[in-house]
Amino acid sequence: MEATISRKIGYRWNTLKYLDNNTKIDLITLLMQSLKDSEEKKPVPASKYYGIWGDDGMSAEEFVDAIKAERKFSQDIVKL
């Protein structure tokens, strides 16, 4: 695992080491901001989405038929 991480960092460093100092500072700023943003995000509980799917009381067969009826193809459908 560590070897993989080291290779990834080494590969990126070989690309980034030739950047000028101002660009490196901008990149550092972006990386620091991404860390701050990721700390602020809280996981969304699945219960938030409870009941969001509305199927209008259709059965599974009716639902499949409705999806098939709405599909648009540029070519003819070949039944197998």
N, C-alpha and C. Protein backbone atom coordinates (compact mmCIF):
# COMPACT_ATOMS: atom_id res chain seq x y z
N MET A 1 0.83 -1.19 0.00
CA MET A 1 0.00 0.00 0.00
C MET A 1 0.87 1.26 0.00
N GLU A 2 1.89 1.30 0.89
CA GLU A 2 2.75 2.47 0.96
C GLU A 2 3.52 2.67 -0.33
N ALA A 3 3.94 1.56 -0.95
CA ALA A 3 4.68 1.67 -2.21
C ALA A 3 3.81 2.30 -3.29
N THR A 4 2.54 1.93 -3.31
CA THR A 4 1.61 2.50 -4.30
C THR A 4 1.43 3.99 -4.06
N ILE A 5 1.27 4.38 -2.81
CA ILE A 5 1.12 5.80 -2.48
C ILE A 5 2.38 6.56 -2.87
N SER A 6 3.54 6.00 -2.53
CA SER A 6 4.81 6.66 -2.87
C SER A 6 4.96 6.82 -4.37
N ARG A 7 4.57 5.82 -5.14
CA ARG A 7 4.66 5.92 -6.59
C ARG A 7 3.74 7.00 -7.12
N LYS A 8 2.53 7.07 -6.58
CA LYS A 8 1.58 8.10 -7.02
C LYS A 8 2.12 9.49 -6.72
N ILE A 9 2.65 9.66 -5.52
CA ILE A 9 3.20 10.97 -5.15
C ILE A 9 4.42 11.28 -6.00
N GLY A 10 5.28 10.31 -6.21
CA GLY A 10 6.47 10.52 -7.02
C GLY A 10 6.13 10.90 -8.44
N TYR A 11 5.13 10.23 -9.00
CA TYR A 11 4.71 10.54 -10.36
C TYR A 11 4.21 11.98 -10.46
N ARG A 12 3.39 12.37 -9.50
CA ARG A 12 2.86 13.73 -9.52
C ARG A 12 3.97 14.75 -9.26
N TRP A 13 4.89 14.43 -8.34
CA TRP A 13 5.97 15.36 -8.05
C TRP A 13 6.83 15.58 -9.28
N ASN A 14 7.10 14.51 -10.03
CA ASN A 14 7.90 14.65 -11.25
C ASN A 14 7.23 15.60 -12.23
N THR A 15 5.94 15.69 -12.20
CA THR A 15 5.21 16.62 -13.07
C THR A 15 5.22 18.03 -12.49
N LEU A 16 5.05 18.14 -11.18
CA LEU A 16 4.87 19.45 -10.53
C LEU A 16 6.17 20.17 -10.20
N LYS A 17 7.27 19.46 -10.09
CA LYS A 17 8.50 20.10 -9.62
C LYS A 17 9.04 21.16 -10.58
N TYR A 18 8.60 21.14 -11.80
CA TYR A 18 9.08 22.12 -12.77
C TYR A 18 8.22 23.39 -12.82
N LEU A 19 7.17 23.43 -12.02
CA LEU A 19 6.33 24.63 -11.98
C LEU A 19 7.07 25.76 -11.29
N ASP A 20 6.72 26.99 -11.63
CA ASP A 20 7.35 28.13 -10.95
C ASP A 20 6.78 28.24 -9.54
N ASN A 21 7.46 29.00 -8.70
CA ASN A 21 7.09 29.08 -7.28
C ASN A 21 5.69 29.65 -7.06
N ASN A 22 5.29 30.63 -7.83
CA ASN A 22 3.95 31.20 -7.66
C ASN A 22 2.87 30.17 -7.97
N THR A 23 3.08 29.37 -8.98
CA THR A 23 2.11 28.33 -9.32
C THR A 23 2.06 27.28 -8.23
N LYS A 24 3.22 26.94 -7.67
CA LYS A 24 3.26 25.97 -6.56
C LYS A 24 2.50 26.50 -5.35
N ILE A 25 2.66 27.80 -5.06
CA ILE A 25 1.94 28.41 -3.93
C ILE A 25 0.44 28.38 -4.19
N ASP A 26 0.03 28.66 -5.42
CA ASP A 26 -1.40 28.58 -5.77
C ASP A 26 -1.92 27.16 -5.60
N LEU A 27 -1.12 26.19 -5.99
CA LEU A 27 -1.52 24.79 -5.85
C LEU A 27 -1.64 24.40 -4.38
N ILE A 28 -0.69 24.86 -3.57
CA ILE A 28 -0.75 24.60 -2.13
C ILE A 28 -2.02 25.19 -1.54
N THR A 29 -2.35 26.40 -1.95
CA THR A 29 -3.57 27.06 -1.46
C THR A 29 -4.81 26.25 -1.83
N LEU A 30 -4.85 25.78 -3.07
CA LEU A 30 -6.00 24.96 -3.50
C LEU A 30 -6.08 23.66 -2.71
N LEU A 31 -4.95 23.02 -2.47
CA LEU A 31 -4.94 21.77 -1.70
C LEU A 31 -5.40 22.01 -0.26
N MET A 32 -4.93 23.10 0.35
CA MET A 32 -5.35 23.42 1.71
C MET A 32 -6.85 23.70 1.76
N GLN A 33 -7.36 24.41 0.76
CA GLN A 33 -8.79 24.71 0.73
C GLN A 33 -9.61 23.43 0.57
N SER A 34 -9.10 22.49 -0.23
CA SER A 34 -9.83 21.24 -0.42
C SER A 34 -9.88 20.45 0.89
N LEU A 35 -8.83 20.53 1.70
CA LEU A 35 -8.84 19.87 3.00
C LEU A 35 -9.86 20.52 3.93
N LYS A 36 -9.92 21.83 3.92
CA LYS A 36 -10.89 22.54 4.75
C LYS A 36 -12.31 22.21 4.31
N ASP A 37 -12.53 22.16 3.00
CA ASP A 37 -13.87 21.84 2.49
C ASP A 37 -14.28 20.44 2.87
N SER A 38 -13.34 19.48 2.82
CA SER A 38 -13.70 18.10 3.12
C SER A 38 -13.99 17.93 4.60
N GLU A 39 -13.37 18.74 5.46
CA GLU A 39 -13.65 18.67 6.89
C GLU A 39 -15.03 19.20 7.22
N GLU A 40 -15.50 20.17 6.44
CA GLU A 40 -16.78 20.79 6.72
C GLU A 40 -17.96 19.91 6.29
N LYS A 41 -17.74 19.02 5.36
CA LYS A 41 -18.83 18.19 4.85
C LYS A 41 -19.17 17.12 5.88
N LYS A 42 -20.44 17.02 6.15
CA LYS A 42 -20.91 16.00 7.08
C LYS A 42 -21.67 14.95 6.27
N PRO A 43 -21.59 13.70 6.69
CA PRO A 43 -22.32 12.67 5.96
C PRO A 43 -23.83 12.91 6.02
N VAL A 44 -24.48 12.62 4.93
CA VAL A 44 -25.93 12.79 4.85
C VAL A 44 -26.58 11.46 5.21
N PRO A 45 -27.45 11.44 6.20
CA PRO A 45 -28.09 10.18 6.57
C PRO A 45 -29.05 9.71 5.46
N ALA A 46 -29.12 8.42 5.28
CA ALA A 46 -29.99 7.85 4.25
C ALA A 46 -31.46 8.17 4.54
N SER A 47 -31.80 8.38 5.79
CA SER A 47 -33.20 8.66 6.14
C SER A 47 -33.68 9.98 5.52
N LYS A 48 -32.74 10.85 5.14
CA LYS A 48 -33.13 12.10 4.50
C LYS A 48 -33.85 11.84 3.19
N TYR A 49 -33.51 10.75 2.54
CA TYR A 49 -34.09 10.44 1.23
C TYR A 49 -35.29 9.50 1.31
N TYR A 50 -35.71 9.17 2.51
CA TYR A 50 -36.84 8.27 2.67
C TYR A 50 -38.09 8.89 2.05
N GLY A 51 -38.74 8.15 1.18
CA GLY A 51 -39.97 8.59 0.56
C GLY A 51 -39.79 9.52 -0.62
N ILE A 52 -38.55 9.77 -1.03
CA ILE A 52 -38.32 10.71 -2.12
C ILE A 52 -38.71 10.10 -3.47
N TRP A 53 -38.66 8.78 -3.55
CA TRP A 53 -39.01 8.10 -4.79
C TRP A 53 -40.51 7.94 -4.85
N GLY A 54 -41.13 8.53 -5.85
CA GLY A 54 -42.57 8.40 -5.99
C GLY A 54 -42.89 7.59 -7.24
N ASP A 55 -43.52 6.46 -7.07
CA ASP A 55 -43.83 5.61 -8.23
C ASP A 55 -45.32 5.63 -8.56
N ASP A 56 -46.06 6.48 -7.93
CA ASP A 56 -47.49 6.63 -8.20
C ASP A 56 -48.26 5.33 -8.07
N GLY A 57 -47.77 4.43 -7.23
CA GLY A 57 -48.48 3.18 -6.98
C GLY A 57 -48.44 2.19 -8.13
N MET A 58 -47.50 2.33 -9.04
CA MET A 58 -47.42 1.41 -10.19
C MET A 58 -46.81 0.08 -9.74
N SER A 59 -47.24 -0.98 -10.39
CA SER A 59 -46.62 -2.27 -10.15
C SER A 59 -45.28 -2.29 -10.88
N ALA A 60 -44.47 -3.29 -10.61
CA ALA A 60 -43.17 -3.39 -11.25
C ALA A 60 -43.32 -3.49 -12.77
N GLU A 61 -44.31 -4.26 -13.22
CA GLU A 61 -44.52 -4.43 -14.66
C GLU A 61 -44.95 -3.12 -15.31
N GLU A 62 -45.83 -2.38 -14.63
CA GLU A 62 -46.27 -1.09 -15.16
C GLU A 62 -45.11 -0.10 -15.21
N PHE A 63 -44.27 -0.16 -14.20
CA PHE A 63 -43.12 0.72 -14.15
C PHE A 63 -42.16 0.43 -15.31
N VAL A 64 -41.88 -0.85 -15.55
CA VAL A 64 -41.00 -1.26 -16.66
C VAL A 64 -41.61 -0.84 -17.99
N ASP A 65 -42.90 -1.05 -18.16
CA ASP A 65 -43.58 -0.66 -19.40
C ASP A 65 -43.51 0.85 -19.62
N ALA A 66 -43.65 1.62 -18.55
CA ALA A 66 -43.58 3.08 -18.66
C ALA A 66 -42.18 3.52 -19.08
N ILE A 67 -41.16 2.88 -18.53
CA ILE A 67 -39.79 3.20 -18.92
C ILE A 67 -39.55 2.86 -20.38
N LYS A 68 -39.99 1.68 -20.79
CA LYS A 68 -39.81 1.27 -22.18
C LYS A 68 -40.53 2.20 -23.14
N ALA A 69 -41.70 2.68 -22.74
CA ALA A 69 -42.48 3.57 -23.61
C ALA A 69 -41.79 4.93 -23.78
N GLU A 70 -41.02 5.35 -22.80
CA GLU A 70 -40.37 6.66 -22.86
C GLU A 70 -39.01 6.64 -23.54
N ARG A 71 -38.47 5.45 -23.79
CA ARG A 71 -37.14 5.36 -24.41
C ARG A 71 -37.21 5.80 -25.86
N LYS A 72 -36.20 6.52 -26.27
CA LYS A 72 -36.08 6.96 -27.66
C LYS A 72 -34.74 6.44 -28.21
N PHE A 73 -34.80 5.80 -29.36
CA PHE A 73 -33.61 5.25 -29.98
C PHE A 73 -33.45 5.80 -31.38
N SER A 74 -32.20 5.92 -31.82
CA SER A 74 -31.95 6.37 -33.18
C SER A 74 -31.91 5.17 -34.12
N GLN A 75 -31.90 3.97 -33.55
CA GLN A 75 -31.88 2.75 -34.37
C GLN A 75 -33.06 1.86 -33.95
N ASP A 76 -33.43 0.94 -34.81
CA ASP A 76 -34.51 0.02 -34.49
C ASP A 76 -34.07 -0.95 -33.41
N ILE A 77 -35.00 -1.30 -32.52
CA ILE A 77 -34.73 -2.26 -31.47
C ILE A 77 -34.94 -3.65 -32.04
N VAL A 78 -33.97 -4.52 -31.83
CA VAL A 78 -34.03 -5.89 -32.31
C VAL A 78 -34.39 -6.77 -31.12
N LYS A 79 -35.51 -7.47 -31.19
CA LYS A 79 -35.90 -8.38 -30.12
C LYS A 79 -35.09 -9.65 -30.22
N LEU A 80 -34.59 -10.11 -29.13
CA LEU A 80 -33.80 -11.35 -29.10
C LEU A 80 -34.65 -12.53 -28.75
